[in-house]
Amino acid sequence: MSLLKRHLAPVLPEAFAQIDDEARRVLKLHLAGRKVVDFSGPHGWALGAVNTGRLRIIAQGPVPEVRHAVRDVQPLVELRAPFMLKILELDFAGRGARDLDLDPVIAAAERAALAEDGAIFNGFEAAHITGMIPASPHSPIRVATQVDWPRAIAQAKETLRLVGVGGPYALALGPQAYAELTAGSEDGYPLRNRIESALAVELHWAPALSAGAVLLSTRGGDYELTVGQDFSVGYALHDRDIVELYLTESFTFRVLEEKAAILLQRS
């Protein structure tokens, strides 16, 4: 017995193996934050919060001349992305089929990745997560045109250096920014190659970023993603024809050095 309750699902082990593999493939493709921040975990479902090492002073305690303070912790948030599959389709795996229709798994994994990366880059106030972009004290750098990206990235690197944030550096790119940097320029040479070679910046596709890109240091110690239960597929319910499964995880994200990232906005 586990919280995922997979043993109650009318799903063959062969089908679960294909579901797990497909979810893992899509998550690996879509998750950008994990590739550029410190990762702690997985620690399991039992981890409910992260110790920040700080105290919240209680101004007035119940006993005179006794001072009180509460230890400050940051709670983990649990996410669940449900999806439904036809039981007959899943049964084909037991007959040797290796090409199950797993489009709902793909869609759920994309949503789950968007939820995690959205919290990392943009924050999630209800889950007590301050994102990388809202925490940054730097004014965003404007990118006027497609060919303006190298200048803007060089300026962003210099901004971080001036406040003592060293490299190596990575650039998380939203869909539009990624398309522009990987497309051929006038001489047929993608801007990506120029940036990675000349500016020594590692590029990552980050679908959760809707406004441009984020340059950040990957030296370590600036951002921390803590995962309790890592992404897993669980069982919810079923009837004669359909089984409802879900993709779930528990996590939180902390900004330890707010100066370590800067937003680049496409005009």
Protein backbone atom coordinates (compact mmCIF):
# COMPACT_ATOMS: atom_id res chain seq x y z
CA MET A 1 0.00 0.00 0.00
CA SER A 2 1.22 3.51 -0.86
CA LEU A 3 -0.33 6.92 -1.30
CA LEU A 4 -0.28 6.36 -5.07
CA LYS A 5 -2.66 3.34 -4.71
CA ARG A 6 -1.43 1.87 -7.99
CA HIS A 7 -2.25 -1.65 -6.79
CA LEU A 8 -5.96 -0.75 -6.98
CA ALA A 9 -5.83 0.29 -10.63
CA PRO A 10 -7.05 -2.07 -13.39
CA VAL A 11 -3.79 -1.41 -15.21
CA LEU A 12 -1.32 -4.12 -16.19
CA PRO A 13 2.34 -3.74 -15.18
CA GLU A 14 3.26 -3.61 -18.88
CA ALA A 15 0.89 -0.66 -19.38
CA PHE A 16 2.14 1.15 -16.28
CA ALA A 17 5.70 0.76 -17.57
CA GLN A 18 4.77 2.54 -20.82
CA ILE A 19 2.87 5.25 -18.94
CA ASP A 20 5.83 5.88 -16.62
CA ASP A 21 8.30 5.98 -19.51
CA GLU A 22 6.19 8.45 -21.49
CA ALA A 23 5.65 10.74 -18.52
CA ARG A 24 9.38 10.66 -17.74
CA ARG A 25 10.27 11.51 -21.36
CA VAL A 26 7.94 14.52 -21.52
CA LEU A 27 8.97 15.85 -18.11
CA LYS A 28 12.65 15.63 -19.02
CA LEU A 29 11.95 17.64 -22.16
CA HIS A 30 9.80 20.35 -20.56
CA LEU A 31 11.37 20.90 -17.13
CA ALA A 32 13.96 23.68 -17.27
CA GLY A 33 14.23 24.86 -13.67
CA ARG A 34 15.73 21.60 -12.39
CA LYS A 35 18.55 21.93 -14.89
CA VAL A 36 19.72 25.32 -13.61
CA VAL A 37 19.05 25.42 -9.84
CA ASP A 38 20.25 23.35 -6.89
CA PHE A 39 18.17 20.20 -6.38
CA SER A 40 17.48 18.63 -2.99
CA GLY A 41 15.66 15.31 -2.84
CA PRO A 42 13.62 13.35 -3.37
CA HIS A 43 12.88 13.10 0.35
CA GLY A 44 9.52 11.29 0.18
CA TRP A 45 5.97 12.17 1.17
CA ALA A 46 6.88 12.61 4.85
CA LEU A 47 8.78 15.83 4.22
CA GLY A 48 6.28 18.62 4.81
CA ALA A 49 8.49 21.71 5.06
CA VAL A 50 12.03 23.05 4.69
CA ASN A 51 13.84 24.62 7.63
CA THR A 52 14.87 28.18 6.77
CA GLY A 53 17.04 28.55 9.89
CA ARG A 54 15.17 31.71 10.91
CA LEU A 55 12.90 32.74 13.77
CA ARG A 56 9.66 34.71 13.89
CA ILE A 57 9.56 36.65 17.14
CA ILE A 58 6.33 36.57 19.13
CA ALA A 59 5.85 40.04 20.60
CA GLN A 60 3.66 39.06 23.55
CA GLY A 61 3.84 35.59 25.10
CA PRO A 62 1.50 34.01 27.67
CA VAL A 63 4.04 34.13 30.52
CA PRO A 64 5.53 37.43 31.72
CA GLU A 65 9.28 37.84 31.30
CA VAL A 66 9.50 34.79 29.00
CA ARG A 67 10.29 35.48 25.38
CA HIS A 68 9.04 33.30 22.54
CA ALA A 69 9.90 32.75 18.88
CA VAL A 70 8.53 30.37 16.27
CA ARG A 71 10.87 28.50 13.95
CA ASP A 72 10.31 29.62 10.36
CA VAL A 73 9.76 26.87 7.78
CA GLN A 74 8.69 26.81 4.15
CA PRO A 75 5.98 24.24 3.40
CA LEU A 76 5.99 21.94 0.40
CA VAL A 77 3.12 22.13 -2.06
CA GLU A 78 1.59 19.03 -3.63
CA LEU A 79 0.44 19.11 -7.24
CA ARG A 80 -1.73 16.63 -9.11
CA ALA A 81 -2.39 16.56 -12.86
CA PRO A 82 -5.17 14.03 -13.63
CA PHE A 83 -5.65 12.20 -16.91
CA MET A 84 -7.98 9.47 -18.16
CA LEU A 85 -7.19 6.44 -20.31
CA LYS A 86 -9.28 3.68 -21.88
CA ILE A 87 -8.86 0.38 -20.08
CA LEU A 88 -9.17 -1.59 -23.32
CA GLU A 89 -6.32 0.43 -24.84
CA LEU A 90 -4.15 -0.25 -21.79
CA ASP A 91 -4.95 -3.99 -21.96
CA PHE A 92 -3.30 -4.13 -25.37
CA ALA A 93 0.04 -3.83 -23.56
CA GLY A 94 -0.56 -7.28 -22.07
CA ARG A 95 -0.89 -8.64 -25.59
CA GLY A 96 2.43 -7.17 -26.64
CA ALA A 97 1.41 -3.72 -27.95
CA ARG A 98 4.18 -1.18 -27.49
CA ASP A 99 2.41 1.78 -29.11
CA LEU A 100 -0.38 2.65 -26.68
CA ASP A 101 -2.31 5.88 -27.20
CA LEU A 102 -0.84 7.93 -24.35
CA ASP A 103 -1.69 11.45 -25.51
CA PRO A 104 -3.46 12.19 -22.18
CA VAL A 105 -0.23 11.27 -20.35
CA ILE A 106 1.72 13.71 -22.52
CA ALA A 107 -0.76 16.52 -21.85
CA ALA A 108 -0.72 15.89 -18.08
CA ALA A 109 3.09 15.82 -17.97
CA GLU A 110 3.25 19.11 -19.87
CA ARG A 111 0.84 20.71 -17.38
CA ALA A 112 2.77 19.36 -14.39
CA ALA A 113 6.07 20.65 -15.78
CA LEU A 114 4.48 24.04 -16.39
CA ALA A 115 3.30 24.12 -12.76
CA GLU A 116 6.74 23.38 -11.31
CA ASP A 117 8.66 25.71 -13.61
CA GLY A 118 6.02 28.42 -13.25
CA ALA A 119 6.59 28.40 -9.49
CA ILE A 120 10.37 28.50 -9.92
CA PHE A 121 10.48 31.39 -12.39
CA ASN A 122 7.31 33.35 -11.61
CA GLY A 123 6.48 32.34 -8.05
CA PHE A 124 3.33 30.89 -6.45
CA GLU A 125 2.09 33.13 -3.66
CA ALA A 126 -0.57 30.73 -2.34
CA ALA A 127 2.15 28.08 -1.90
CA HIS A 128 4.52 30.56 -0.17
CA ILE A 129 6.96 30.45 -3.10
CA THR A 130 8.73 33.60 -4.30
CA GLY A 131 9.86 33.12 -7.87
CA MET A 132 13.21 33.91 -9.39
CA ILE A 133 11.87 36.80 -11.49
CA PRO A 134 9.83 38.62 -8.79
CA ALA A 135 12.74 38.30 -6.35
CA SER A 136 15.30 39.85 -8.70
CA PRO A 137 16.20 43.48 -7.87
CA HIS A 138 17.55 44.13 -11.38
CA SER A 139 15.62 46.14 -13.95
CA PRO A 140 14.69 43.97 -16.95
CA ILE A 141 16.86 44.31 -20.04
CA ARG A 142 14.97 45.08 -23.23
CA VAL A 143 15.65 43.06 -26.39
CA ALA A 144 14.65 45.21 -29.36
CA THR A 145 15.03 42.77 -32.25
CA GLN A 146 16.06 39.18 -32.94
CA VAL A 147 19.65 40.17 -33.67
CA ASP A 148 19.76 42.21 -30.42
CA TRP A 149 19.93 39.08 -28.25
CA PRO A 150 23.77 38.84 -28.06
CA ARG A 151 24.06 42.46 -26.88
CA ALA A 152 21.29 42.02 -24.31
CA ILE A 153 22.80 38.79 -22.96
CA ALA A 154 26.25 40.38 -22.68
CA GLN A 155 24.69 43.31 -20.80
CA ALA A 156 22.84 40.93 -18.48
CA LYS A 157 26.06 39.04 -17.69
CA GLU A 158 27.83 42.29 -16.92
CA THR A 159 24.98 43.35 -14.62
CA LEU A 160 25.37 40.16 -12.60
CA ARG A 161 29.16 40.48 -12.48
CA LEU A 162 28.94 44.05 -11.15
CA VAL A 163 26.96 42.85 -8.11
CA GLY A 164 29.39 40.01 -7.46
CA VAL A 165 27.46 37.15 -9.06
CA GLY A 166 29.90 35.01 -10.99
CA GLY A 167 29.35 32.28 -13.55
CA PRO A 168 28.90 29.89 -15.11
CA TYR A 169 25.68 31.31 -16.53
CA ALA A 170 22.57 29.78 -18.08
CA LEU A 171 19.76 31.33 -20.10
CA ALA A 172 16.24 29.97 -19.69
CA LEU A 173 14.29 30.81 -22.85
CA GLY A 174 10.56 31.21 -23.32
CA PRO A 175 9.00 29.86 -26.54
CA GLN A 176 9.43 33.06 -28.61
CA ALA A 177 12.98 33.67 -27.40
CA TYR A 178 13.94 30.05 -28.05
CA ALA A 179 12.53 30.19 -31.58
CA GLU A 180 14.49 33.36 -32.35
CA LEU A 181 17.78 32.06 -30.99
CA THR A 182 17.58 28.71 -32.73
CA ALA A 183 16.39 30.04 -36.10
CA GLY A 184 18.90 30.72 -38.87
CA SER A 185 20.12 34.31 -39.19
CA GLU A 186 20.88 36.08 -42.45
CA ASP A 187 24.09 34.13 -42.91
CA GLY A 188 22.37 30.87 -41.97
CA TYR A 189 24.18 30.51 -38.63
CA PRO A 190 21.84 30.25 -35.62
CA LEU A 191 22.28 32.86 -32.92
CA ARG A 192 22.35 30.01 -30.41
CA ASN A 193 25.76 28.84 -31.65
CA ARG A 194 27.20 32.35 -31.42
CA ILE A 195 25.86 32.91 -27.91
CA GLU A 196 26.99 29.55 -26.52
CA SER A 197 30.48 29.85 -28.02
CA ALA A 198 31.23 33.58 -27.75
CA LEU A 199 29.32 34.41 -24.55
CA ALA A 200 29.73 31.05 -22.80
CA VAL A 201 26.05 30.84 -21.84
CA GLU A 202 24.18 27.53 -21.70
CA LEU A 203 20.68 27.73 -23.24
CA HIS A 204 17.59 25.90 -21.99
CA TRP A 205 14.06 25.79 -23.41
CA ALA A 206 11.63 26.92 -20.69
CA PRO A 207 7.96 26.85 -21.84
CA ALA A 208 6.82 28.34 -18.50
CA LEU A 209 8.47 31.65 -19.41
CA SER A 210 6.03 33.76 -21.38
CA ALA A 211 8.03 37.00 -21.35
CA GLY A 212 11.46 36.62 -22.90
CA ALA A 213 14.23 34.87 -21.01
CA VAL A 214 16.04 34.72 -17.67
CA LEU A 215 19.83 34.82 -17.31
CA LEU A 216 21.04 33.30 -14.06
CA SER A 217 24.18 32.03 -12.44
CA THR A 218 24.56 28.28 -12.05
CA ARG A 219 27.52 28.53 -9.64
CA GLY A 220 25.36 26.98 -6.92
CA GLY A 221 23.97 28.23 -3.62
CA ASP A 222 21.61 30.83 -5.13
CA TYR A 223 18.39 28.86 -5.75
CA GLU A 224 17.12 25.61 -4.27
CA LEU A 225 14.37 23.30 -5.46
CA THR A 226 13.39 20.85 -2.72
CA VAL A 227 11.36 17.80 -3.74
CA GLY A 228 9.57 15.50 -1.34
CA GLN A 229 7.82 12.98 -3.57
CA ASP A 230 9.25 13.24 -7.05
CA PHE A 231 6.98 12.98 -10.09
CA SER A 232 5.00 9.75 -9.94
CA VAL A 233 1.87 8.30 -11.50
CA GLY A 234 -0.95 7.41 -9.11
CA TYR A 235 -4.46 5.94 -9.30
CA ALA A 236 -7.70 7.84 -8.59
CA LEU A 237 -10.72 5.81 -9.78
CA HIS A 238 -12.18 3.78 -12.65
CA ASP A 239 -15.38 2.41 -14.17
CA ARG A 240 -15.91 -0.34 -16.76
CA ASP A 241 -14.24 1.60 -19.57
CA ILE A 242 -12.07 4.40 -18.19
CA VAL A 243 -9.37 4.66 -15.55
CA GLU A 244 -8.38 8.00 -14.05
CA LEU A 245 -4.72 8.31 -13.14
CA TYR A 246 -2.69 11.35 -12.17
CA LEU A 247 0.83 12.71 -12.15
CA THR A 248 1.87 14.10 -8.79
CA GLU A 249 4.80 15.54 -6.83
CA SER A 250 5.50 17.63 -3.73
CA PHE A 251 8.03 20.46 -3.81
CA THR A 252 9.01 23.96 -2.82
CA PHE A 253 11.47 26.50 -4.15
CA ARG A 254 13.63 29.03 -2.31
CA VAL A 255 15.55 32.06 -3.51
CA LEU A 256 18.77 32.23 -1.48
CA GLU A 257 20.45 35.03 -3.48
CA GLU A 258 17.96 37.31 -5.19
CA LYS A 259 20.64 39.12 -7.23
CA ALA A 260 21.63 35.97 -9.15
CA ALA A 261 19.11 36.34 -12.01
CA ILE A 262 17.89 38.99 -14.41
CA LEU A 263 14.95 39.10 -16.83
CA LEU A 264 15.42 39.83 -20.53
CA GLN A 265 12.20 41.09 -22.11
CA ARG A 266 11.50 41.01 -25.83
CA SER A 267 10.06 44.35 -27.00
